[in-house]
Amino acid sequence: MEQIPWSITEQERALAARCIGLAREAGASAVRVALNKSIMNLVLLRDGAPDKVSRSGDRSLTFNLFVDGRYGTFSVNRLEEGLLRDFLRDAVETVRMLAPDPFRRLPDAARTAKDARTGLELGLYDPAYAAVTPASRMERALGASIFQKSRPEGYSLISEELEYSDSVYDSYLVDSEGLEARHIESSFEMGCEMTVADPEGNKYSGYWWDASPRRDDLRTGRISPEALRRACAQMHPLPHPGGACTMVVENETSSRLLSPLLGALSAFSIQQGNSFLVDTLGKQVFPEGFTLADRPRTPGESGSKYFDSEGVATREAAIIDRGIVREYFVNTYMAGKLGMAPTREDAMRPCVLPFRPQGCSKGPFGLKEILAWCREGILVTGFNGGNHNSATGDFSYGVEGFAFHDGVPVHPVREMVVTGNIRTLWNHLLAAGDDPRRGAAKQVPTLAFGQVEFSA
């Protein structure tokens, strides 16, 4: 395989593999070695002019050591065999001073990935990365900026902060049970925040971004104009009486409502008594319209990966299937602690599948169609702080967005708070679109919920 810029070399891979023998010689009964290497380039513009250019690289070895029924994790970034021999000897002696933990062990070899040999299987590395130069990065960032080109009408353009970055990430995982797995991906990202002021001097900000593993798929031309549009759309907000109403959550921010569910499905949270989904496995907890699937093996899509941090093979599966909780996230350690069968340590690429209520016509089913179907309520386009209780599911989030009537946004709303319970909220799911945000690891589309409590 042709050497990818800043990727793990054959010599580094061989050294990582030799560390298994070094750890065994030092007294470890089992060992897992993770070698990670990355490079990131960044260009930051302020008001259309270069403000910061940076290039950073990282390389590290992480060791999971199992010694006499004890366990410890150690990291180092110097890859010299003599130094590593001494480092592992001292690390093993340190682990021997820890308390025994009978549930610490490597995963069963039958569960580990066998098909991630080159790291390129998912098509997440773009060979065009090798041709990217410092000059082309700057040219791309400057070409996306609109600060010097804008002609404000009805507002003042206060600032533009635009950031472009590209990176390559390479991870290599081996263990003493024969695991060998690799993952390589490139990433091209751009984001922009625009700040404007209305004639009274009130300031508003809007943000937009795009990301792709492939250079030519990054849509730079839309980013700054969309950030500006979103900033201007917030001007002249009107008060809203609040109360219980329909809430539509834009795909740009809807993943905020999925994260508490994913946390509650974690075996660690369940074992700690810190989950509102304890004792729900196999039960109908949510409406039939709600299906949450993990699709970690989708070629070319961000978030896809053939293995987790233990080396366990990922797989396509329904986590919540038509409202029934089908899986908890149970890694090898928590499986022993809870006496459960291991599954996966987390959802790698969770996807909320479309749910089209009765009466909706066929065709695209995104934000526009969902607003038209709901007719009236509040469209949430951003969350401003807030918190949730992982044990009970109760939440309180600040929101911004728009009141909509007859399916059309009519005026912006600000300084509102939405409160409730995550489990109850998802039980009031009215619709889930077919428009998850491109480039996001969590694939969550536009969502609509009924009977949501807002306060001004």
Protein backbone atom coordinates (compact mmCIF):
# COMPACT_ATOMS: atom_id res chain seq x y z
CA MET A 1 0.00 0.00 0.00
CA GLU A 2 1.29 3.45 -0.96
CA GLN A 3 2.27 5.48 2.10
CA ILE A 4 -0.46 7.96 3.03
CA PRO A 5 0.79 11.36 4.26
CA TRP A 6 1.30 11.33 8.03
CA SER A 7 -0.14 7.82 8.38
CA ILE A 8 1.33 4.98 10.44
CA THR A 9 4.44 3.52 8.83
CA GLU A 10 5.25 -0.17 8.53
CA GLN A 11 8.05 0.33 11.07
CA GLU A 12 5.62 1.89 13.58
CA ARG A 13 3.13 -0.92 13.10
CA ALA A 14 5.85 -3.52 13.64
CA LEU A 15 6.98 -1.74 16.81
CA ALA A 16 3.40 -1.63 18.16
CA ALA A 17 3.09 -5.36 17.56
CA ARG A 18 6.44 -6.02 19.28
CA CYS A 19 5.16 -4.17 22.35
CA ILE A 20 2.86 -7.12 23.03
CA GLY A 21 5.92 -9.31 23.51
CA LEU A 22 7.65 -6.63 25.61
CA ALA A 23 4.63 -6.39 27.89
CA ARG A 24 4.40 -10.17 28.22
CA GLU A 25 8.10 -10.33 29.05
CA ALA A 26 7.51 -7.74 31.79
CA GLY A 27 4.82 -9.94 33.33
CA ALA A 28 1.51 -8.97 31.70
CA SER A 29 -0.86 -11.86 31.16
CA ALA A 30 -2.69 -10.02 28.36
CA VAL A 31 -2.23 -6.70 26.58
CA ARG A 32 -3.92 -4.47 24.03
CA VAL A 33 -1.92 -1.85 22.12
CA ALA A 34 -3.46 1.13 20.31
CA LEU A 35 -1.27 3.21 18.00
CA ASN A 36 -2.89 6.49 16.90
CA LYS A 37 -1.45 9.05 14.54
CA SER A 38 -2.98 12.19 13.07
CA ILE A 39 -2.24 15.47 11.34
CA MET A 40 -4.48 18.54 11.17
CA ASN A 41 -4.11 21.78 9.21
CA LEU A 42 -6.20 24.84 10.04
CA VAL A 43 -6.81 28.24 8.46
CA LEU A 44 -8.79 30.85 10.40
CA LEU A 45 -10.06 34.06 8.80
CA ARG A 46 -11.52 37.04 10.63
CA ASP A 47 -13.50 39.50 8.55
CA GLY A 48 -12.07 38.06 5.35
CA ALA A 49 -8.40 38.32 6.36
CA PRO A 50 -6.05 35.55 7.60
CA ASP A 51 -5.87 35.50 11.39
CA LYS A 52 -4.32 32.13 12.21
CA VAL A 53 -2.66 29.27 10.38
CA SER A 54 -1.67 26.12 12.25
CA ARG A 55 -0.44 22.60 11.62
CA SER A 56 -0.44 20.02 14.40
CA GLY A 57 0.53 16.39 14.52
CA ASP A 58 -0.01 13.74 17.16
CA ARG A 59 1.30 10.22 17.69
CA SER A 60 0.73 8.02 20.72
CA LEU A 61 0.83 4.45 21.96
CA THR A 62 -1.76 3.39 24.54
CA PHE A 63 -1.39 0.14 26.48
CA ASN A 64 -4.17 -1.73 28.26
CA LEU A 65 -2.33 -4.07 30.62
CA PHE A 66 -3.84 -7.07 32.41
CA VAL A 67 -1.53 -8.26 35.20
CA ASP A 68 -2.32 -10.87 37.87
CA GLY A 69 -6.04 -10.07 37.82
CA ARG A 70 -5.36 -6.34 37.85
CA TYR A 71 -5.69 -3.73 35.12
CA GLY A 72 -4.12 -0.41 34.12
CA THR A 73 -3.92 1.96 31.14
CA PHE A 74 -0.77 3.81 30.12
CA SER A 75 0.20 6.10 27.23
CA VAL A 76 3.46 7.29 25.71
CA ASN A 77 4.37 9.27 22.58
CA ARG A 78 8.02 8.26 22.18
CA LEU A 79 8.37 5.25 19.91
CA GLU A 80 11.81 3.89 20.76
CA GLU A 81 12.05 0.20 21.53
CA GLY A 82 14.55 0.56 24.37
CA LEU A 83 12.52 3.26 26.03
CA LEU A 84 9.29 1.27 25.54
CA ARG A 85 10.84 -1.82 27.17
CA ASP A 86 11.61 0.21 30.31
CA PHE A 87 8.26 1.99 30.17
CA LEU A 88 6.31 -1.27 30.04
CA ARG A 89 8.37 -2.84 32.81
CA ASP A 90 7.56 0.05 35.13
CA ALA A 91 3.91 0.07 34.00
CA VAL A 92 3.47 -3.61 34.83
CA GLU A 93 4.98 -3.08 38.28
CA THR A 94 2.56 -0.19 38.81
CA VAL A 95 -0.44 -2.36 37.88
CA ARG A 96 0.64 -4.95 40.44
CA MET A 97 0.05 -2.34 43.16
CA LEU A 98 -3.60 -1.87 42.16
CA ALA A 99 -6.59 -3.73 43.60
CA PRO A 100 -7.66 -6.90 41.77
CA ASP A 101 -10.59 -6.58 39.37
CA PRO A 102 -11.92 -9.97 38.22
CA PHE A 103 -14.03 -8.50 35.41
CA ARG A 104 -11.16 -6.94 33.47
CA ARG A 105 -10.23 -9.00 30.42
CA LEU A 106 -9.81 -8.81 26.67
CA PRO A 107 -12.90 -9.48 24.55
CA ASP A 108 -13.42 -12.96 23.19
CA ALA A 109 -11.35 -13.23 20.00
CA ALA A 110 -14.42 -14.45 18.11
CA ARG A 111 -16.04 -11.03 18.64
CA THR A 112 -13.16 -8.94 17.31
CA ALA A 113 -12.91 -7.44 13.82
CA LYS A 114 -11.34 -9.63 11.14
CA ASP A 115 -12.05 -7.42 8.11
CA ALA A 116 -10.20 -4.17 8.93
CA ARG A 117 -6.81 -5.13 7.59
CA THR A 118 -5.73 -2.09 5.58
CA GLY A 119 -7.88 0.61 7.19
CA LEU A 120 -9.17 1.64 3.78
CA GLU A 121 -12.07 -0.79 3.49
CA LEU A 122 -14.76 1.83 4.18
CA GLY A 123 -13.46 4.33 1.62
CA LEU A 124 -13.07 7.10 4.19
CA TYR A 125 -9.63 8.24 3.01
CA ASP A 126 -9.49 10.57 0.01
CA PRO A 127 -6.26 10.15 -2.01
CA ALA A 128 -6.70 13.79 -3.08
CA TYR A 129 -5.50 14.76 0.41
CA ALA A 130 -1.91 14.25 -0.72
CA ALA A 131 -2.29 17.08 -3.26
CA VAL A 132 -3.56 19.68 -0.75
CA THR A 133 -1.01 22.46 -0.23
CA PRO A 134 -0.79 25.40 2.21
CA ALA A 135 -1.57 27.74 -0.67
CA SER A 136 -4.66 25.78 -1.73
CA ARG A 137 -5.97 25.76 1.86
CA MET A 138 -5.67 29.53 2.08
CA GLU A 139 -7.19 29.99 -1.35
CA ARG A 140 -10.17 27.84 -0.42
CA ALA A 141 -10.80 29.70 2.82
CA LEU A 142 -10.50 33.14 1.19
CA GLY A 143 -12.78 32.06 -1.63
CA ALA A 144 -15.51 31.08 0.85
CA SER A 145 -15.43 34.37 2.76
CA ILE A 146 -18.12 36.95 1.95
CA PHE A 147 -17.30 39.67 4.50
CA GLN A 148 -15.60 41.94 1.97
CA LYS A 149 -18.22 41.20 -0.69
CA SER A 150 -21.46 41.67 1.28
CA ARG A 151 -23.72 44.67 0.72
CA PRO A 152 -25.85 44.88 3.90
CA GLU A 153 -29.44 46.11 3.63
CA GLY A 154 -31.44 46.56 6.82
CA TYR A 155 -28.60 45.36 9.02
CA SER A 156 -24.93 45.98 9.81
CA LEU A 157 -22.38 43.24 9.25
CA ILE A 158 -20.33 43.12 12.44
CA SER A 159 -17.98 40.19 11.96
CA GLU A 160 -17.24 36.97 10.11
CA GLU A 161 -15.18 34.17 11.60
CA LEU A 162 -14.45 31.39 9.13
CA GLU A 163 -12.44 28.26 9.84
CA TYR A 164 -11.20 25.68 7.35
CA SER A 165 -9.45 22.48 8.41
CA ASP A 166 -8.34 19.18 6.91
CA SER A 167 -6.96 16.15 8.68
CA VAL A 168 -5.92 12.53 8.44
CA TYR A 169 -6.48 10.10 11.32
CA ASP A 170 -4.95 6.61 11.43
CA SER A 171 -5.53 4.08 14.20
CA TYR A 172 -4.00 0.61 14.56
CA LEU A 173 -5.11 -1.87 17.22
CA VAL A 174 -3.48 -5.18 18.20
CA ASP A 175 -3.79 -7.46 21.22
CA SER A 176 -2.29 -10.64 22.64
CA GLU A 177 -5.28 -12.71 21.44
CA GLY A 178 -4.45 -12.10 17.77
CA LEU A 179 -6.47 -8.97 17.06
CA GLU A 180 -5.16 -6.74 14.28
CA ALA A 181 -7.37 -3.91 13.01
CA ARG A 182 -6.80 -0.58 11.32
CA HIS A 183 -8.88 2.48 10.42
CA ILE A 184 -7.82 5.45 8.25
CA GLU A 185 -9.92 8.46 7.41
CA SER A 186 -9.52 11.95 6.05
CA SER A 187 -11.72 14.89 6.88
CA PHE A 188 -12.35 18.26 5.26
CA GLU A 189 -14.36 20.78 7.29
CA MET A 190 -15.42 24.39 7.14
CA GLY A 191 -17.56 26.44 9.52
CA CYS A 192 -18.52 30.09 9.67
CA GLU A 193 -20.09 32.35 12.29
CA MET A 194 -21.58 35.64 11.11
CA THR A 195 -22.62 38.42 13.50
CA VAL A 196 -24.98 41.21 12.44
CA ALA A 197 -26.73 44.11 14.13
CA ASP A 198 -30.18 45.54 13.49
CA PRO A 199 -30.78 49.32 13.20
CA GLU A 200 -31.25 49.50 16.99
CA GLY A 201 -27.84 47.93 17.59
CA ASN A 202 -29.06 44.51 18.77
CA LYS A 203 -26.62 41.80 17.72
CA TYR A 204 -27.42 38.36 16.35
CA SER A 205 -25.18 35.48 15.30
CA GLY A 206 -25.66 32.63 12.88
CA TYR A 207 -23.49 29.56 12.25
CA TRP A 208 -23.23 27.01 9.45
CA TRP A 209 -20.78 24.25 8.61
CA ASP A 210 -20.09 21.39 6.26
CA ALA A 211 -17.81 18.36 6.47
CA SER A 212 -16.87 15.43 4.29
CA PRO A 213 -14.19 12.74 4.08
CA ARG A 214 -13.67 13.84 0.47
CA ARG A 215 -12.11 17.14 -0.58
CA ASP A 216 -14.32 17.80 -3.60
CA ASP A 217 -17.53 17.10 -1.67
CA LEU A 218 -17.00 19.99 0.76
CA ARG A 219 -19.61 22.60 -0.21
CA THR A 220 -17.74 25.78 0.67
CA GLY A 221 -19.84 28.19 -1.39
CA ARG A 222 -22.93 27.85 0.78
CA ILE A 223 -21.38 28.13 4.23
CA SER A 224 -20.91 31.87 4.81
CA PRO A 225 -24.13 32.91 3.00
CA GLU A 226 -26.13 30.42 5.07
CA ALA A 227 -24.52 31.61 8.31
CA LEU A 228 -25.43 35.18 7.33
CA ARG A 229 -28.99 34.21 6.44
CA ARG A 230 -29.44 32.48 9.78
CA ALA A 231 -28.08 35.50 11.66
CA CYS A 232 -30.40 37.93 9.87
CA ALA A 233 -33.40 35.65 10.33
CA GLN A 234 -33.15 36.09 14.10
CA MET A 235 -33.67 39.85 13.97
CA HIS A 236 -36.83 41.40 15.43
CA PRO A 237 -37.93 38.52 17.70
CA LEU A 238 -41.39 38.73 19.26
CA PRO A 239 -42.55 37.43 22.64
CA HIS A 240 -44.38 34.13 22.71
CA PRO A 241 -46.88 33.13 25.38
CA GLY A 242 -45.43 29.65 25.87
CA GLY A 243 -47.48 26.69 27.09
CA ALA A 244 -47.87 23.22 25.60
CA CYS A 245 -47.57 23.09 21.83
CA THR A 246 -46.01 21.19 18.93
CA MET A 247 -42.23 21.39 18.72
CA VAL A 248 -40.34 20.82 15.46
CA VAL A 249 -36.56 20.46 15.88
CA GLU A 250 -34.35 21.21 12.90
CA ASN A 251 -31.91 18.51 11.78
CA GLU A 252 -29.02 20.86 12.55
CA THR A 253 -29.65 20.51 16.29
CA SER A 254 -31.94 17.48 16.76
CA SER A 255 -29.08 15.20 17.87
CA ARG A 256 -29.14 17.09 21.20
CA LEU A 257 -32.33 15.18 22.04
CA LEU A 258 -30.84 11.79 21.10
CA SER A 259 -27.72 12.04 23.25
CA PRO A 260 -29.55 11.53 26.60
CA LEU A 261 -31.15 8.35 25.18
CA LEU A 262 -27.79 6.95 24.10
CA GLY A 263 -26.35 7.69 27.54
CA ALA A 264 -29.27 5.96 29.25
CA LEU A 265 -28.67 2.81 27.15
CA SER A 266 -25.09 2.53 28.41
CA ALA A 267 -24.44 -0.43 30.70
CA PHE A 268 -22.17 1.79 32.79
CA SER A 269 -25.07 4.17 33.51
CA ILE A 270 -27.35 1.24 34.25
CA GLN A 271 -24.84 -0.38 36.61
CA GLN A 272 -24.42 2.94 38.44
CA GLY A 273 -28.19 3.40 38.77
CA ASN A 274 -27.89 6.53 36.67
CA SER A 275 -30.17 5.68 33.75
CA PHE A 276 -33.86 6.34 33.13
CA LEU A 277 -33.97 3.20 30.94
CA VAL A 278 -33.13 0.63 33.64
CA ASP A 279 -35.06 -2.66 33.20
CA THR A 280 -36.46 -1.72 29.79
CA LEU A 281 -34.63 -4.30 27.65
CA GLY A 282 -37.12 -6.08 25.39
CA LYS A 283 -39.97 -3.79 26.43
CA GLN A 284 -42.16 -1.42 24.44
CA VAL A 285 -40.97 1.89 25.87
CA PHE A 286 -41.46 4.25 22.92
CA PRO A 287 -44.05 4.59 20.11
CA GLU A 288 -43.95 2.26 17.11
CA GLY A 289 -42.85 5.13 14.90
CA PHE A 290 -39.48 5.40 16.67
CA THR A 291 -36.65 3.22 15.36
CA LEU A 292 -33.01 3.89 16.22
CA ALA A 293 -30.49 1.86 14.24
CA ASP A 294 -26.71 1.68 14.30
CA ARG A 295 -25.23 1.69 10.79
CA PRO A 296 -21.47 1.78 11.37
CA ARG A 297 -20.51 -0.04 8.17
CA THR A 298 -21.85 2.43 5.61
CA PRO A 299 -19.05 3.05 3.08
CA GLY A 300 -17.88 6.62 2.69
CA GLU A 301 -19.95 8.05 5.54
CA SER A 302 -18.59 9.88 8.58
CA GLY A 303 -18.85 7.87 11.78
CA SER A 304 -18.48 4.51 10.07
CA LYS A 305 -15.90 2.14 11.52
CA TYR A 306 -15.35 -1.62 11.54
CA PHE A 307 -14.34 -1.87 15.21
CA ASP A 308 -14.63 -0.10 18.56
CA SER A 309 -11.88 0.77 21.07
CA GLU A 310 -11.78 -2.86 22.28
CA GLY A 311 -11.42 -4.13 18.71
CA VAL A 312 -14.91 -5.66 18.80
CA ALA A 313 -16.43 -5.81 15.33
CA THR A 314 -19.24 -3.34 14.71
CA ARG A 315 -22.46 -4.49 13.10
CA GLU A 316 -25.66 -3.13 11.67
CA ALA A 317 -28.47 -3.46 14.20
CA ALA A 318 -31.65 -1.92 15.56
CA ILE A 319 -31.06 -0.48 19.03
CA ILE A 320 -34.68 0.60 19.46
CA ASP A 321 -36.95 -1.25 17.04
CA ARG A 322 -40.40 0.30 16.54
CA GLY A 323 -40.33 1.49 20.14
CA ILE A 324 -38.93 -1.71 21.70
CA VAL A 325 -35.52 -1.44 23.41
CA ARG A 326 -33.46 -4.19 21.78
CA GLU A 327 -29.94 -3.51 23.08
CA TYR A 328 -27.94 -1.94 25.85
CA PHE A 329 -24.36 -0.87 25.13
CA VAL A 330 -22.42 -3.51 27.05
CA ASN A 331 -18.63 -3.72 26.70
CA THR A 332 -16.56 -6.65 27.94
CA TYR A 333 -15.99 -5.18 31.39
CA MET A 334 -19.60 -4.23 32.08
CA ALA A 335 -20.77 -7.61 30.80
CA GLY A 336 -18.89 -9.22 33.69
CA LYS A 337 -20.06 -6.65 36.21
CA LEU A 338 -23.72 -7.01 35.26
CA GLY A 339 -23.74 -10.70 34.30
CA MET A 340 -24.99 -9.78 30.82
CA ALA A 341 -23.93 -10.82 27.34
CA PRO A 342 -21.58 -8.24 25.76
CA THR A 343 -22.90 -6.28 22.79
CA ARG A 344 -21.02 -3.09 21.82
CA GLU A 345 -19.50 -0.27 23.84
CA ASP A 346 -21.55 2.43 22.11
CA ALA A 347 -23.49 3.29 18.97
CA MET A 348 -20.88 4.14 16.36
CA ARG A 349 -23.19 5.79 13.80
CA PRO A 350 -26.70 6.01 15.29
CA CYS A 351 -29.48 6.75 12.82
CA VAL A 352 -33.06 7.76 13.63
CA LEU A 353 -35.10 6.24 10.81
CA PRO A 354 -37.86 8.18 9.03
CA PHE A 355 -41.35 8.09 10.50
CA ARG A 356 -44.06 9.49 8.27
CA PRO A 357 -47.46 9.84 9.98
CA GLN A 358 -50.67 8.87 8.27
CA GLY A 359 -51.97 11.39 5.80
CA CYS A 360 -48.54 12.54 4.58
CA SER A 361 -48.03 12.31 0.85
CA LYS A 362 -45.14 10.42 -0.67
CA GLY A 363 -41.97 12.20 -1.72
CA PRO A 364 -39.36 14.15 0.23
CA PHE A 365 -40.12 14.45 3.95
CA GLY A 366 -37.89 17.11 5.45
CA LEU A 367 -38.31 20.33 7.41
CA LYS A 368 -40.66 22.01 4.93
CA GLU A 369 -43.01 19.03 4.73
CA ILE A 370 -43.03 18.45 8.50
CA LEU A 371 -43.84 22.11 9.21
CA ALA A 372 -46.70 21.91 6.71
CA TRP A 373 -48.05 18.77 8.36
CA CYS A 374 -47.77 20.15 11.91
CA ARG A 375 -49.23 23.53 10.80
CA GLU A 376 -48.61 25.40 14.07
CA GLY A 377 -46.04 25.41 16.86
CA ILE A 378 -42.43 26.33 17.55
CA LEU A 379 -39.50 25.46 15.30
CA VAL A 380 -36.34 24.99 17.37
CA THR A 381 -33.14 25.84 15.49
CA GLY A 382 -30.75 25.91 18.44
CA PHE A 383 -30.31 24.99 22.09
CA ASN A 384 -28.75 27.49 24.49
CA GLY A 385 -27.42 25.66 27.52
CA GLY A 386 -29.58 23.76 29.95
CA ASN A 387 -29.22 20.30 31.45
CA HIS A 388 -30.85 16.93 31.94
CA ASN A 389 -30.97 14.45 34.80
CA SER A 390 -29.59 11.15 33.50
CA ALA A 391 -31.26 9.16 36.30
CA THR A 392 -34.79 10.49 35.80
CA GLY A 393 -34.69 11.88 32.26
CA ASP A 394 -35.97 15.29 33.33
CA PHE A 395 -34.57 18.16 31.25
CA SER A 396 -34.62 21.91 30.86
CA TYR A 397 -33.08 23.51 27.76
CA GLY A 398 -32.92 27.09 26.54
CA VAL A 399 -34.00 27.31 22.90
CA GLU A 400 -34.12 29.71 20.00
CA GLY A 401 -36.05 29.44 16.79
CA PHE A 402 -39.32 30.54 15.22
CA ALA A 403 -43.03 30.46 15.85
CA PHE A 404 -44.73 28.97 12.79
CA HIS A 405 -48.32 29.17 11.58
CA ASP A 406 -49.95 27.34 8.67
CA GLY A 407 -46.60 25.56 8.21
CA VAL A 408 -44.64 28.79 7.69
CA PRO A 409 -42.22 30.46 10.16
CA VAL A 410 -43.73 33.86 11.06
CA HIS A 411 -41.32 35.42 13.56
CA PRO A 412 -38.23 34.52 15.60
CA VAL A 413 -38.49 33.67 19.30
CA ARG A 414 -35.70 33.92 21.88
CA GLU A 415 -35.16 33.46 25.59
CA MET A 416 -37.55 30.54 25.80
CA VAL A 417 -37.10 27.36 27.81
CA VAL A 418 -38.41 23.90 26.99
CA THR A 419 -38.89 21.50 29.91
CA GLY A 420 -40.05 17.94 30.33
CA ASN A 421 -38.81 14.36 30.44
CA ILE A 422 -36.75 12.73 27.68
CA ARG A 423 -38.66 9.45 27.84
CA THR A 424 -42.01 11.27 27.75
CA LEU A 425 -40.80 13.54 24.95
CA TRP A 426 -39.92 10.65 22.65
CA ASN A 427 -43.28 9.06 23.45
CA HIS A 428 -44.84 12.15 21.90
CA LEU A 429 -42.89 11.76 18.65
CA LEU A 430 -45.14 12.85 15.79
CA ALA A 431 -42.76 12.56 12.83
CA ALA A 432 -39.13 11.95 11.88
CA GLY A 433 -37.91 13.24 8.55
CA ASP A 434 -35.64 11.73 5.90
CA ASP A 435 -33.14 14.61 6.10
CA PRO A 436 -30.34 13.85 8.59
CA ARG A 437 -27.47 16.33 8.51
CA ARG A 438 -24.79 15.36 6.00
CA GLY A 439 -21.37 14.81 7.57
CA ALA A 440 -22.67 14.25 11.11
CA ALA A 441 -21.77 11.08 13.02
CA LYS A 442 -25.25 11.04 14.62
CA GLN A 443 -27.76 10.81 11.80
CA VAL A 444 -30.80 12.53 13.29
CA PRO A 445 -33.34 14.15 10.93
CA THR A 446 -35.89 16.88 11.53
CA LEU A 447 -38.15 15.75 14.39
CA ALA A 448 -41.63 16.76 15.50
CA PHE A 449 -43.04 16.24 19.01
CA GLY A 450 -46.48 16.98 20.42
CA GLN A 451 -47.54 18.47 23.77
CA VAL A 452 -44.15 20.00 24.60
CA GLU A 453 -44.04 22.55 27.41
CA PHE A 454 -42.48 25.93 26.64
CA SER A 455 -42.07 28.88 28.96
CA ALA A 456 -41.19 32.43 27.97
